[in-house]
Amino acid sequence: MKYIDMDDWKRREHFDFFHSMDYPQYNVCMNIDITHFLEVVRRDHLSLYYSLIFAVMSVANDCENFRYRIRDGRVILHEKTHPSFTDVTPGDDQFKIVTMDLTGDLLGFSDLARAASQNQTSYFPDASTGSRDDLIYITCLPWISFTAMTHTIRLNPDDAAPRISWGKYFRENDRVLLPFSVQLNHALADGLHVGEFVKRLQTYLDEQ
């Protein structure tokens, strides 16, 4: 982790402009193509959810603007971010939030994520985890093929953790499409950066 030199940061004007807003968050929704990726996870008997978490985090860590955070009014850049994701235990209709380090490969992470979720008995993280700012928040609505998405959030312009979500996949012609949502703090990232992230994610999903 390092602090950004604000006086020499090309994004300083954009940061100052959007950081002054009461609600600098924005959300973009689109469909991504998981036709090939779905075949891969089924072939290898993986969880689609955990596999997508690994894919999303791997790509997000290659996008610098997704690793910026705001701490005490200053911008920091993490070397690596990690997932904090919702999950549901079979037989329990209350979700829990599971936080773990991003490690391993696609196959290994899927096993680790399943174990972390199964071993966690609390619904919400403890205070030490809740204070981390090197996280990306992830959730899934597998019951709904949504076209729009919002998140609960405190009205705090320093809240800079990306929120990434997806819904129920559907078939269109010969493709499998997944409703996908990205929410970011505009002080740190623009639509251009969302576009770069989605492009890289689609490439990742197509090349596994």
Protein backbone atom coordinates (compact mmCIF):
# COMPACT_ATOMS: atom_id res chain seq x y z
CA MET A 1 0.00 0.00 0.00
CA LYS A 2 1.24 3.49 -0.78
CA TYR A 3 -0.10 7.03 -0.47
CA ILE A 4 -0.62 8.94 -3.69
CA ASP A 5 1.19 12.26 -4.06
CA MET A 6 -1.89 14.41 -4.60
CA ASP A 7 0.10 17.37 -5.89
CA ASP A 8 1.49 15.25 -8.71
CA TRP A 9 -1.57 13.09 -9.41
CA LYS A 10 -3.14 13.59 -12.83
CA ARG A 11 -6.55 12.76 -11.36
CA ARG A 12 -6.40 15.44 -8.64
CA GLU A 13 -9.00 17.76 -10.23
CA HIS A 14 -11.45 14.94 -10.83
CA PHE A 15 -10.92 13.67 -7.30
CA ASP A 16 -11.58 17.08 -5.76
CA PHE A 17 -14.69 17.59 -7.87
CA PHE A 18 -16.39 14.28 -7.15
CA HIS A 19 -15.14 13.93 -3.57
CA SER A 20 -17.08 17.08 -2.73
CA MET A 21 -20.36 15.36 -3.66
CA ASP A 22 -22.71 14.00 -0.99
CA TYR A 23 -23.07 10.81 -3.01
CA PRO A 24 -20.15 10.27 -5.40
CA GLN A 25 -21.12 6.68 -6.16
CA TYR A 26 -22.33 5.58 -9.59
CA ASN A 27 -23.50 2.22 -10.90
CA VAL A 28 -23.29 0.70 -14.38
CA CYS A 29 -25.19 -2.45 -15.42
CA MET A 30 -24.65 -4.59 -18.49
CA ASN A 31 -24.74 -8.20 -19.67
CA ILE A 32 -21.54 -10.20 -19.94
CA ASP A 33 -21.13 -13.37 -21.97
CA ILE A 34 -20.34 -16.44 -19.84
CA THR A 35 -21.04 -19.08 -22.52
CA HIS A 36 -17.51 -20.48 -22.57
CA PHE A 37 -16.79 -19.90 -18.87
CA LEU A 38 -19.93 -21.78 -17.83
CA GLU A 39 -18.79 -24.76 -19.87
CA VAL A 40 -15.39 -24.64 -18.14
CA VAL A 41 -16.75 -24.57 -14.59
CA ARG A 42 -19.20 -27.35 -15.36
CA ARG A 43 -16.45 -29.46 -16.93
CA ASP A 44 -14.26 -29.04 -13.85
CA HIS A 45 -17.17 -29.38 -11.38
CA LEU A 46 -16.60 -25.91 -9.91
CA SER A 47 -18.99 -23.47 -8.32
CA LEU A 48 -19.94 -20.81 -10.86
CA TYR A 49 -20.30 -18.26 -8.06
CA TYR A 50 -16.88 -18.81 -6.50
CA SER A 51 -15.28 -19.08 -9.93
CA LEU A 52 -16.75 -15.74 -10.98
CA ILE A 53 -15.50 -14.18 -7.75
CA PHE A 54 -11.99 -15.33 -8.60
CA ALA A 55 -12.31 -14.06 -12.17
CA VAL A 56 -13.65 -10.67 -11.08
CA MET A 57 -10.96 -10.22 -8.42
CA SER A 58 -8.15 -11.30 -10.73
CA VAL A 59 -9.18 -8.76 -13.35
CA ALA A 60 -9.93 -6.00 -10.83
CA ASN A 61 -6.44 -6.32 -9.42
CA ASP A 62 -5.07 -5.63 -12.89
CA CYS A 63 -7.02 -2.34 -12.98
CA GLU A 64 -5.26 0.32 -10.93
CA ASN A 65 -8.34 2.48 -10.39
CA PHE A 66 -10.09 -0.46 -8.69
CA ARG A 67 -7.28 -0.55 -6.12
CA TYR A 68 -7.51 3.09 -5.06
CA ARG A 69 -9.08 3.86 -1.69
CA ILE A 70 -9.64 7.03 0.34
CA ARG A 71 -8.22 7.07 3.84
CA ASP A 72 -8.56 10.20 6.00
CA GLY A 73 -9.05 12.35 2.93
CA ARG A 74 -5.96 10.99 1.18
CA VAL A 75 -5.80 8.50 -1.68
CA ILE A 76 -3.96 5.23 -1.26
CA LEU A 77 -3.18 2.48 -3.75
CA HIS A 78 -3.27 -1.12 -2.59
CA GLU A 79 -0.93 -3.64 -4.20
CA LYS A 80 -3.72 -6.22 -4.03
CA THR A 81 -7.40 -6.30 -3.06
CA HIS A 82 -9.44 -9.21 -1.71
CA PRO A 83 -13.06 -10.38 -1.90
CA SER A 84 -15.76 -9.86 0.71
CA PHE A 85 -18.78 -11.70 -0.62
CA THR A 86 -22.28 -12.70 0.41
CA ASP A 87 -23.17 -16.37 0.65
CA VAL A 88 -26.03 -18.51 1.88
CA THR A 89 -25.79 -21.77 3.80
CA PRO A 90 -28.17 -24.42 2.46
CA GLY A 91 -31.28 -24.50 4.62
CA ASP A 92 -30.74 -20.97 5.93
CA ASP A 93 -32.48 -18.07 4.18
CA GLN A 94 -30.24 -15.45 5.86
CA PHE A 95 -27.08 -14.50 4.00
CA LYS A 96 -23.66 -14.02 5.54
CA ILE A 97 -20.66 -11.96 4.48
CA VAL A 98 -17.49 -13.98 3.95
CA THR A 99 -14.13 -12.21 3.72
CA MET A 100 -11.01 -14.02 2.61
CA ASP A 101 -7.71 -13.42 0.89
CA LEU A 102 -7.45 -13.86 -2.86
CA THR A 103 -5.06 -16.75 -3.35
CA GLY A 104 -4.38 -19.73 -5.56
CA ASP A 105 -5.75 -20.42 -9.00
CA LEU A 106 -9.31 -20.81 -10.24
CA LEU A 107 -9.63 -24.41 -9.06
CA GLY A 108 -7.91 -23.87 -5.72
CA PHE A 109 -9.80 -20.68 -4.89
CA SER A 110 -13.17 -22.32 -5.47
CA ASP A 111 -12.33 -24.96 -2.88
CA LEU A 112 -10.99 -22.39 -0.42
CA ALA A 113 -14.04 -20.15 -0.79
CA ARG A 114 -16.41 -23.04 -0.20
CA ALA A 115 -14.49 -24.06 2.92
CA ALA A 116 -14.35 -20.49 4.24
CA SER A 117 -18.10 -20.12 3.82
CA GLN A 118 -18.89 -23.48 5.38
CA ASN A 119 -16.62 -22.82 8.37
CA GLN A 120 -18.02 -19.37 9.11
CA THR A 121 -20.86 -19.39 11.63
CA SER A 122 -21.39 -15.63 12.03
CA TYR A 123 -23.46 -13.63 9.59
CA PHE A 124 -21.30 -10.51 9.58
CA PRO A 125 -17.54 -9.90 9.86
CA ASP A 126 -15.93 -8.83 13.12
CA ALA A 127 -14.63 -5.33 13.76
CA SER A 128 -11.11 -6.07 12.51
CA THR A 129 -12.38 -7.25 9.14
CA GLY A 130 -14.92 -4.47 8.89
CA SER A 131 -12.16 -1.86 9.16
CA ARG A 132 -10.23 -3.17 6.15
CA ASP A 133 -10.22 -1.00 3.03
CA ASP A 134 -8.46 -3.48 0.72
CA LEU A 135 -11.72 -5.26 -0.10
CA ILE A 136 -14.09 -5.45 -3.04
CA TYR A 137 -17.69 -6.18 -2.06
CA ILE A 138 -19.36 -8.88 -4.13
CA THR A 139 -22.90 -10.22 -4.16
CA CYS A 140 -25.12 -12.30 -6.38
CA LEU A 141 -28.87 -12.41 -7.00
CA PRO A 142 -29.21 -15.78 -8.73
CA TRP A 143 -33.02 -15.53 -8.68
CA ILE A 144 -33.30 -12.40 -10.85
CA SER A 145 -32.04 -11.37 -14.28
CA PHE A 146 -31.92 -7.71 -13.26
CA THR A 147 -31.50 -4.70 -15.52
CA ALA A 148 -30.57 -2.22 -12.77
CA MET A 149 -28.99 -2.41 -9.33
CA THR A 150 -28.41 -0.24 -6.26
CA HIS A 151 -26.65 -0.92 -2.96
CA THR A 152 -27.15 0.12 0.63
CA ILE A 153 -24.41 2.56 1.52
CA ARG A 154 -23.48 5.20 4.08
CA LEU A 155 -23.41 8.75 2.72
CA ASN A 156 -19.67 8.96 3.17
CA PRO A 157 -17.61 10.34 0.26
CA ASP A 158 -14.61 8.37 1.57
CA ASP A 159 -16.42 5.07 0.91
CA ALA A 160 -14.41 3.83 -2.06
CA ALA A 161 -14.71 0.03 -2.08
CA PRO A 162 -16.04 -1.19 -5.43
CA ARG A 163 -19.30 -3.14 -5.31
CA ILE A 164 -19.68 -5.79 -7.97
CA SER A 165 -22.82 -7.87 -8.44
CA TRP A 166 -24.42 -10.26 -10.86
CA GLY A 167 -27.78 -11.93 -11.29
CA LYS A 168 -29.44 -14.94 -12.88
CA TYR A 169 -27.93 -15.87 -16.21
CA PHE A 170 -30.17 -16.36 -19.21
CA ARG A 171 -29.91 -17.66 -22.75
CA GLU A 172 -30.24 -15.43 -25.78
CA ASN A 173 -29.93 -17.18 -29.12
CA ASP A 174 -26.88 -19.41 -28.69
CA ARG A 175 -25.21 -17.35 -25.92
CA VAL A 176 -25.42 -17.40 -22.12
CA LEU A 177 -25.59 -13.87 -20.70
CA LEU A 178 -25.15 -12.71 -17.12
CA PRO A 179 -26.60 -9.45 -15.72
CA PHE A 180 -23.61 -7.65 -14.22
CA SER A 181 -23.29 -4.52 -12.09
CA VAL A 182 -20.29 -2.38 -11.15
CA GLN A 183 -20.54 0.42 -8.57
CA LEU A 184 -17.60 2.76 -7.98
CA ASN A 185 -16.68 6.03 -6.32
CA HIS A 186 -16.45 8.58 -9.14
CA ALA A 187 -13.63 10.39 -7.35
CA LEU A 188 -11.41 7.43 -8.17
CA ALA A 189 -12.75 5.92 -11.39
CA ASP A 190 -14.73 6.95 -14.46
CA GLY A 191 -16.80 5.15 -17.07
CA LEU A 192 -13.62 4.63 -19.07
CA HIS A 193 -12.22 2.50 -16.26
CA VAL A 194 -15.43 0.49 -16.00
CA GLY A 195 -15.20 -0.13 -19.73
CA GLU A 196 -11.58 -1.30 -19.45
CA PHE A 197 -12.49 -3.60 -16.57
CA VAL A 198 -15.45 -5.17 -18.38
CA LYS A 199 -13.39 -5.65 -21.55
CA ARG A 200 -10.62 -7.40 -19.62
CA LEU A 201 -13.14 -9.50 -17.71
CA GLN A 202 -14.80 -10.65 -20.91
CA THR A 203 -11.41 -11.61 -22.33
CA TYR A 204 -10.60 -13.55 -19.15
CA LEU A 205 -13.89 -15.45 -19.29
CA ASP A 206 -13.41 -16.27 -22.97
CA GLU A 207 -9.84 -17.52 -22.61
CA GLN A 208 -10.09 -19.96 -19.70
